[in-house]
C-alpha atoms as a PDB file:
ATOM      1  CA  MET A   1      -0.062   0.021   0.194  1.00  0.00           C
ATOM      2  CA  PRO A   2       1.541   3.484  -0.820  1.00  0.00           C
ATOM      3  CA  GLN A   3       2.424   5.836   1.726  1.00  0.00           C
ATOM      4  CA  THR A   4       2.226   9.336   1.427  1.00  0.00           C
ATOM      5  CA  PRO A   5       5.708  10.365   2.471  1.00  0.00           C
ATOM      6  CA  HIS A   6       6.824  12.383   5.485  1.00  0.00           C
ATOM      7  CA  ILE A   7       7.608  15.991   5.089  1.00  0.00           C
ATOM      8  CA  GLU A   8       8.603  17.767   7.979  1.00  0.00           C
ATOM      9  CA  LYS A   9       8.279  21.184   8.192  1.00  0.00           C
ATOM     10  CA  HIS A  10      10.731  23.393  10.308  1.00  0.00           C
ATOM     11  CA  PHE A  11      10.789  27.172  10.460  1.00  0.00           C
ATOM     12  CA  THR A  12      14.159  28.146   8.724  1.00  0.00           C
ATOM     13  CA  SER A  13      14.158  31.667   8.768  1.00  0.00           C
ATOM     14  CA  GLY A  14      15.055  32.613  12.206  1.00  0.00           C
ATOM     15  CA  GLU A  15      18.078  35.015  11.453  1.00  0.00           C
ATOM     16  CA  ILE A  16      15.573  37.056   9.515  1.00  0.00           C
ATOM     17  CA  VAL A  17      13.458  36.912  12.054  1.00  0.00           C
ATOM     18  CA  ARG A  18      15.506  37.818  14.431  1.00  0.00           C
ATOM     19  CA  ASP A  19      17.061  41.046  12.402  1.00  0.00           C
ATOM     20  CA  THR A  20      13.674  42.007  11.901  1.00  0.00           C
ATOM     21  CA  VAL A  21      12.757  41.816  15.506  1.00  0.00           C
ATOM     22  CA  ILE A  22      16.083  43.754  16.535  1.00  0.00           C
ATOM     23  CA  GLY A  23      14.949  46.480  14.047  1.00  0.00           C
ATOM     24  CA  MET A  24      11.669  46.768  14.701  1.00  0.00           C
ATOM     25  CA  ALA A  25      11.860  46.961  18.525  1.00  0.00           C
ATOM     26  CA  ASP A  26      14.106  49.962  18.110  1.00  0.00           C
ATOM     27  CA  GLY A  27      12.051  51.589  15.413  1.00  0.00           C
ATOM     28  CA  LEU A  28       9.271  51.544  17.576  1.00  0.00           C
ATOM     29  CA  THR A  29      10.318  52.726  20.590  1.00  0.00           C
ATOM     30  CA  VAL A  30      13.277  55.316  20.046  1.00  0.00           C
ATOM     31  CA  PRO A  31      11.483  57.388  17.789  1.00  0.00           C
ATOM     32  CA  PHE A  32       8.217  57.094  19.427  1.00  0.00           C
ATOM     33  CA  ALA A  33      10.190  58.381  22.836  1.00  0.00           C
ATOM     34  CA  LEU A  34      11.920  60.869  21.151  1.00  0.00           C
ATOM     35  CA  ALA A  35       8.222  62.493  19.417  1.00  0.00           C
ATOM     36  CA  ALA A  36       6.729  61.983  22.983  1.00  0.00           C
ATOM     37  CA  GLY A  37       9.709  63.752  24.418  1.00  0.00           C
ATOM     38  CA  LEU A  38       9.751  66.701  22.228  1.00  0.00           C
ATOM     39  CA  SER A  39       6.377  66.798  22.427  1.00  0.00           C
ATOM     40  CA  GLY A  40       6.598  67.921  26.149  1.00  0.00           C
ATOM     41  CA  VAL A  41       8.413  70.897  25.164  1.00  0.00           C
ATOM     42  CA  LEU A  42       7.670  71.858  21.722  1.00  0.00           C
ATOM     43  CA  VAL A  43       4.292  73.413  19.811  1.00  0.00           C
ATOM     44  CA  SER A  44       5.742  72.246  16.287  1.00  0.00           C
ATOM     45  CA  THR A  45       4.966  69.530  14.670  1.00  0.00           C
ATOM     46  CA  GLY A  46       7.523  70.479  11.953  1.00  0.00           C
ATOM     47  CA  ILE A  47      10.442  70.532  14.427  1.00  0.00           C
ATOM     48  CA  ILE A  48       9.536  67.040  15.738  1.00  0.00           C
ATOM     49  CA  VAL A  49       9.002  65.491  12.168  1.00  0.00           C
ATOM     50  CA  THR A  50      12.711  67.399  11.354  1.00  0.00           C
ATOM     51  CA  ALA A  51      14.470  65.676  14.433  1.00  0.00           C
ATOM     52  CA  GLY A  52      12.267  62.569  14.170  1.00  0.00           C
ATOM     53  CA  LEU A  53      13.475  61.226  10.256  1.00  0.00           C
ATOM     54  CA  ALA A  54      17.287  62.726  11.538  1.00  0.00           C
ATOM     55  CA  GLU A  55      16.790  60.020  14.539  1.00  0.00           C
ATOM     56  CA  ILE A  56      15.511  57.175  12.178  1.00  0.00           C
ATOM     57  CA  VAL A  57      17.947  57.917   9.448  1.00  0.00           C
ATOM     58  CA  ALA A  58      21.029  57.988  12.199  1.00  0.00           C
ATOM     59  CA  GLY A  59      19.558  54.844  13.597  1.00  0.00           C
ATOM     60  CA  SER A  60      18.789  52.770  10.718  1.00  0.00           C
ATOM     61  CA  ILE A  61      21.974  53.691   9.580  1.00  0.00           C
ATOM     62  CA  ALA A  62      23.804  52.646  13.343  1.00  0.00           C
ATOM     63  CA  MET A  63      21.265  49.844  13.816  1.00  0.00           C
ATOM     64  CA  GLY A  64      22.463  48.122  10.211  1.00  0.00           C
ATOM     65  CA  LEU A  65      26.394  48.721  10.532  1.00  0.00           C
ATOM     66  CA  GLY A  66      26.139  46.950  13.774  1.00  0.00           C
ATOM     67  CA  GLY A  67      24.269  44.333  12.358  1.00  0.00           C
ATOM     68  CA  TYR A  68      26.457  44.247   9.110  1.00  0.00           C
ATOM     69  CA  LEU A  69      29.475  44.289  11.290  1.00  0.00           C
ATOM     70  CA  ALA A  70      28.172  41.406  13.508  1.00  0.00           C
ATOM     71  CA  GLY A  71      27.462  39.072  10.516  1.00  0.00           C
ATOM     72  CA  LYS A  72      31.126  39.842   9.384  1.00  0.00           C
ATOM     73  CA  SER A  73      32.243  38.825  12.373  1.00  0.00           C
ATOM     74  CA  ASP A  74      30.684  35.846  12.525  1.00  0.00           C
ATOM     75  CA  VAL A  75      32.256  34.786   9.626  1.00  0.00           C
ATOM     76  CA  GLU A  76      35.678  35.426  10.040  1.00  0.00           C
ATOM     77  CA  HIS A  77      35.115  33.712  13.550  1.00  0.00           C
ATOM     78  CA  TYR A  78      34.237  30.702  11.867  1.00  0.00           C
ATOM     79  CA  ASP A  79      36.858  30.769   9.184  1.00  0.00           C
ATOM     80  CA  SER A  80      39.167  31.429  11.849  1.00  0.00           C
ATOM     81  CA  GLU A  81      38.187  28.160  14.096  1.00  0.00           C
ATOM     82  CA  TYR A  82      37.876  26.092  10.783  1.00  0.00           C
ATOM     83  CA  GLN A  83      41.321  26.841   9.598  1.00  0.00           C
ATOM     84  CA  ARG A  84      42.627  26.216  13.317  1.00  0.00           C
ATOM     85  CA  GLU A  85      40.954  22.396  12.978  1.00  0.00           C
ATOM     86  CA  LEU A  86      42.463  21.754   9.702  1.00  0.00           C
ATOM     87  CA  TYR A  87      45.804  22.681  11.165  1.00  0.00           C
ATOM     88  CA  GLU A  88      45.046  20.150  14.517  1.00  0.00           C
ATOM     89  CA  ILE A  89      43.882  17.490  12.249  1.00  0.00           C
ATOM     90  CA  GLU A  90      47.097  17.599  10.608  1.00  0.00           C
ATOM     91  CA  GLU A  91      49.423  17.897  12.826  1.00  0.00           C
ATOM     92  CA  MET A  92      47.940  16.129  16.051  1.00  0.00           C
ATOM     93  CA  LEU A  93      45.097  13.649  14.344  1.00  0.00           C
ATOM     94  CA  GLN A  94      45.460  11.272  16.987  1.00  0.00           C
ATOM     95  CA  HIS A  95      44.330  13.782  19.450  1.00  0.00           C
ATOM     96  CA  GLU A  96      41.552  14.875  17.511  1.00  0.00           C
ATOM     97  CA  LYS A  97      40.582  11.014  16.753  1.00  0.00           C
ATOM     98  CA  ASP A  98      39.781  11.025  20.768  1.00  0.00           C
ATOM     99  CA  GLU A  99      37.812  13.908  20.687  1.00  0.00           C
ATOM    100  CA  VAL A 100      35.216  12.553  18.032  1.00  0.00           C
ATOM    101  CA  MET A 101      35.555   8.933  19.904  1.00  0.00           C
ATOM    102  CA  GLU A 102      34.447  10.798  23.151  1.00  0.00           C
ATOM    103  CA  ILE A 103      31.619  12.968  21.134  1.00  0.00           C
ATOM    104  CA  LEU A 104      30.236  10.101  19.683  1.00  0.00           C
ATOM    105  CA  GLU A 105      30.481   8.053  23.073  1.00  0.00           C
ATOM    106  CA  GLU A 106      28.472  11.091  24.683  1.00  0.00           C
ATOM    107  CA  TYR A 107      25.589   9.772  21.827  1.00  0.00           C
ATOM    108  CA  GLY A 108      25.542   6.574  23.522  1.00  0.00           C
ATOM    109  CA  LEU A 109      27.627   4.698  20.445  1.00  0.00           C
ATOM    110  CA  THR A 110      30.440   1.768  21.394  1.00  0.00           C
ATOM    111  CA  LYS A 111      34.243   2.460  20.889  1.00  0.00           C
ATOM    112  CA  GLY A 112      33.630  -0.315  18.373  1.00  0.00           C
ATOM    113  CA  GLU A 113      30.788   1.595  17.217  1.00  0.00           C
ATOM    114  CA  SER A 114      32.669   4.564  16.865  1.00  0.00           C
ATOM    115  CA  LEU A 115      36.062   3.566  15.640  1.00  0.00           C
ATOM    116  CA  PRO A 116      34.688   2.984  11.528  1.00  0.00           C
ATOM    117  CA  ILE A 117      33.264   6.085  11.660  1.00  0.00           C
ATOM    118  CA  VAL A 118      36.525   8.260  13.349  1.00  0.00           C
ATOM    119  CA  GLU A 119      38.520   6.270  10.607  1.00  0.00           C
ATOM    120  CA  SER A 120      36.344   7.281   7.859  1.00  0.00           C
ATOM    121  CA  LEU A 121      36.508  10.996   8.965  1.00  0.00           C
ATOM    122  CA  ALA A 122      39.955  11.264   9.134  1.00  0.00           C
ATOM    123  CA  LYS A 123      40.502  10.181   5.459  1.00  0.00           C
ATOM    124  CA  ARG A 124      38.582  13.039   5.002  1.00  0.00           C
ATOM    125  CA  PRO A 125      39.624  15.974   6.510  1.00  0.00           C
ATOM    126  CA  ALA A 126      37.274  18.628   5.250  1.00  0.00           C
ATOM    127  CA  ASP A 127      34.601  16.478   6.991  1.00  0.00           C
ATOM    128  CA  PHE A 128      36.443  16.208   9.651  1.00  0.00           C
ATOM    129  CA  ALA A 129      37.037  19.395  10.216  1.00  0.00           C
ATOM    130  CA  ASP A 130      32.892  20.294   9.725  1.00  0.00           C
ATOM    131  CA  PHE A 131      32.397  17.658  12.197  1.00  0.00           C
ATOM    132  CA  MET A 132      34.486  19.162  14.832  1.00  0.00           C
ATOM    133  CA  MET A 133      33.532  22.546  14.042  1.00  0.00           C
ATOM    134  CA  ARG A 134      29.516  21.600  15.249  1.00  0.00           C
ATOM    135  CA  PHE A 135      29.862  18.755  17.594  1.00  0.00           C
ATOM    136  CA  GLU A 136      32.974  20.030  19.450  1.00  0.00           C
ATOM    137  CA  LEU A 137      32.698  23.940  18.929  1.00  0.00           C
ATOM    138  CA  GLY A 138      28.931  23.981  18.595  1.00  0.00           C
ATOM    139  CA  LEU A 139      29.077  26.270  15.327  1.00  0.00           C
ATOM    140  CA  GLU A 140      27.213  26.308  11.926  1.00  0.00           C
ATOM    141  CA  LYS A 141      28.824  27.585   8.958  1.00  0.00           C
ATOM    142  CA  PRO A 142      27.304  31.093   8.487  1.00  0.00           C
ATOM    143  CA  ASP A 143      26.234  32.158   5.389  1.00  0.00           C
ATOM    144  CA  ALA A 144      28.902  34.436   3.376  1.00  0.00           C
ATOM    145  CA  LYS A 145      26.182  36.836   2.459  1.00  0.00           C
ATOM    146  CA  ARG A 146      24.890  37.129   5.952  1.00  0.00           C
ATOM    147  CA  ALA A 147      26.237  40.285   7.027  1.00  0.00           C
ATOM    148  CA  LEU A 148      24.582  42.172   4.104  1.00  0.00           C
ATOM    149  CA  LYS A 149      21.249  40.901   4.613  1.00  0.00           C
ATOM    150  CA  SER A 150      21.437  41.504   8.197  1.00  0.00           C
ATOM    151  CA  GLY A 151      22.559  45.138   8.113  1.00  0.00           C
ATOM    152  CA  ALA A 152      20.024  45.494   5.361  1.00  0.00           C
ATOM    153  CA  THR A 153      16.949  43.765   7.183  1.00  0.00           C
ATOM    154  CA  ILE A 154      17.818  45.560  10.484  1.00  0.00           C
ATOM    155  CA  GLY A 155      18.082  48.966   9.226  1.00  0.00           C
ATOM    156  CA  GLY A 156      14.967  48.681   6.735  1.00  0.00           C
ATOM    157  CA  ALA A 157      13.084  47.118   9.700  1.00  0.00           C
ATOM    158  CA  TYR A 158      14.313  50.178  12.143  1.00  0.00           C
ATOM    159  CA  ILE A 159      12.899  52.670   9.683  1.00  0.00           C
ATOM    160  CA  PHE A 160       9.552  51.039   9.002  1.00  0.00           C
ATOM    161  CA  GLY A 161       9.196  50.556  12.697  1.00  0.00           C
ATOM    162  CA  GLY A 162      10.430  54.540  13.217  1.00  0.00           C
ATOM    163  CA  LEU A 163       7.610  55.735  10.482  1.00  0.00           C
ATOM    164  CA  ILE A 164       4.791  54.795  12.428  1.00  0.00           C
ATOM    165  CA  PRO A 165       5.154  56.826  16.011  1.00  0.00           C
ATOM    166  CA  LEU A 166       5.921  59.907  13.333  1.00  0.00           C
ATOM    167  CA  ALA A 167       3.567  59.372  11.004  1.00  0.00           C
ATOM    168  CA  PRO A 168       0.355  61.604  13.128  1.00  0.00           C
ATOM    169  CA  TYR A 169       3.246  64.193  13.412  1.00  0.00           C
ATOM    170  CA  ILE A 170       3.667  64.215   9.460  1.00  0.00           C
ATOM    171  CA  ILE A 171      -0.011  64.249   9.183  1.00  0.00           C
ATOM    172  CA  PHE A 172      -1.531  66.664  12.155  1.00  0.00           C
ATOM    173  CA  ASP A 173      -0.426  70.052  12.386  1.00  0.00           C
ATOM    174  CA  GLY A 174      -1.647  70.335  16.358  1.00  0.00           C
ATOM    175  CA  VAL A 175       1.479  68.401  18.703  1.00  0.00           C
ATOM    176  CA  GLN A 176      -1.008  67.291  21.390  1.00  0.00           C
ATOM    177  CA  THR A 177      -3.418  65.615  18.645  1.00  0.00           C
ATOM    178  CA  ALA A 178      -0.604  64.126  16.891  1.00  0.00           C
ATOM    179  CA  LEU A 179       0.982  62.679  20.352  1.00  0.00           C
ATOM    180  CA  LEU A 180      -2.361  61.444  20.939  1.00  0.00           C
ATOM    181  CA  TRP A 181      -2.555  59.601  17.654  1.00  0.00           C
ATOM    182  CA  SER A 182       0.782  58.374  17.801  1.00  0.00           C
ATOM    183  CA  VAL A 183       0.492  56.935  21.281  1.00  0.00           C
ATOM    184  CA  VAL A 184      -2.945  55.112  20.008  1.00  0.00           C
ATOM    185  CA  VAL A 185      -1.066  53.586  16.729  1.00  0.00           C
ATOM    186  CA  THR A 186       2.316  52.932  18.286  1.00  0.00           C
ATOM    187  CA  VAL A 187       0.599  50.764  21.119  1.00  0.00           C
ATOM    188  CA  ILE A 188      -1.170  49.215  18.598  1.00  0.00           C
ATOM    189  CA  ALA A 189       1.441  48.090  15.959  1.00  0.00           C
ATOM    190  CA  LEU A 190       3.586  47.817  19.505  1.00  0.00           C
ATOM    191  CA  PHE A 191       0.831  45.078  20.312  1.00  0.00           C
ATOM    192  CA  ILE A 192       0.867  43.504  16.725  1.00  0.00           C
ATOM    193  CA  PHE A 193       4.515  43.357  16.786  1.00  0.00           C
ATOM    194  CA  GLY A 194       5.030  41.731  20.157  1.00  0.00           C
ATOM    195  CA  TYR A 195       2.370  38.990  19.132  1.00  0.00           C
ATOM    196  CA  VAL A 196       3.833  37.755  15.962  1.00  0.00           C
ATOM    197  CA  LYS A 197       7.064  38.108  17.799  1.00  0.00           C
ATOM    198  CA  GLY A 198       6.052  35.661  20.308  1.00  0.00           C
ATOM    199  CA  THR A 199       4.522  33.822  17.494  1.00  0.00           C
ATOM    200  CA  PHE A 200       7.759  33.238  15.595  1.00  0.00           C
ATOM    201  CA  THR A 201       9.769  32.902  18.979  1.00  0.00           C
ATOM    202  CA  GLY A 202       7.737  30.188  20.634  1.00  0.00           C
ATOM    203  CA  THR A 203       6.660  32.477  23.351  1.00  0.00           C
ATOM    204  CA  THR A 204       2.900  32.919  24.492  1.00  0.00           C
ATOM    205  CA  PRO A 205       2.030  35.580  21.926  1.00  0.00           C
ATOM    206  CA  PHE A 206      -0.039  37.215  24.402  1.00  0.00           C
ATOM    207  CA  LYS A 207       2.579  37.526  27.070  1.00  0.00           C
ATOM    208  CA  SER A 208       5.085  39.009  24.265  1.00  0.00           C
ATOM    209  CA  ALA A 209       2.676  41.507  23.111  1.00  0.00           C
ATOM    210  CA  MET A 210       1.848  42.742  26.786  1.00  0.00           C
ATOM    211  CA  GLN A 211       5.556  43.092  27.489  1.00  0.00           C
ATOM    212  CA  THR A 212       6.381  44.560  24.263  1.00  0.00           C
ATOM    213  CA  CYS A 213       3.766  47.453  24.654  1.00  0.00           C
ATOM    214  CA  LEU A 214       4.560  47.945  28.444  1.00  0.00           C
ATOM    215  CA  ILE A 215       8.434  48.489  27.439  1.00  0.00           C
ATOM    216  CA  GLY A 216       7.652  51.193  24.529  1.00  0.00           C
ATOM    217  CA  SER A 217       4.889  52.667  26.508  1.00  0.00           C
ATOM    218  CA  VAL A 218       7.157  53.357  29.830  1.00  0.00           C
ATOM    219  CA  ALA A 219      10.139  54.435  27.534  1.00  0.00           C
ATOM    220  CA  ALA A 220       7.795  57.105  25.741  1.00  0.00           C
ATOM    221  CA  ALA A 221       6.167  58.604  29.017  1.00  0.00           C
ATOM    222  CA  THR A 222       9.318  58.683  30.565  1.00  0.00           C
ATOM    223  CA  ALA A 223      10.797  60.852  27.843  1.00  0.00           C
ATOM    224  CA  PHE A 224       7.674  62.727  27.665  1.00  0.00           C
ATOM    225  CA  PHE A 225       7.565  63.712  31.767  1.00  0.00           C
ATOM    226  CA  VAL A 226      11.383  64.171  31.561  1.00  0.00           C
ATOM    227  CA  ALA A 227      11.344  66.873  28.972  1.00  0.00           C
ATOM    228  CA  ARG A 228       7.927  68.359  30.116  1.00  0.00           C
ATOM    229  CA  ALA A 229       9.753  68.560  33.662  1.00  0.00           C
ATOM    230  CA  ILE A 230      13.252  70.041  32.029  1.00  0.00           C
ATOM    231  CA  GLY A 231      11.588  72.318  29.973  1.00  0.00           C
ATOM    232  CA  GLY A 232       9.258  73.643  32.383  1.00  0.00           C
END
């Protein structure tokens, strides 16, 4: 009787989600807090929009550059460790073979079962090094294009998130009206963002949404009242 092939479905875009979360989280909260703080002392939405756009540009560049450098560092670190493993396999083969034996024994394999695997890997230095990178060091080979993708994703998400709290100041002339609408749309956006983040990261979506809303709201409220207190 024919059987339907089993197809495993795993979420494989974790890095993209992580970068989007990083960019959106800061993009929603930092410009939101800045606009709210300026609303406590300014009466011109034009100045707030100018300051907000400047912050979004600077923030997206800084965040994007940070993501790019982090991704590039991961690639360089992996390459450095890989070359080290190749050197150790060439110069200290028996020591490396003993380490593989220990790793396999941790997974329940006996010495007799492990020996053919070890000897097979010893004949293939590149595969041997890959094995050690994954099972000894716990490192996965990063995508060579990861750095650029990470920087672009984080920077783009920051811009998208930052424009949400700033949009009411672009639409409305009155600062207080713009502030009110900024609070409404940003809290809704924070809730949706937190819920989606929770869904992808495996945490309770509603709990994640409430935490995200709370953090963004506290940041904005603090900025508002501090600016109001300083500005008199």
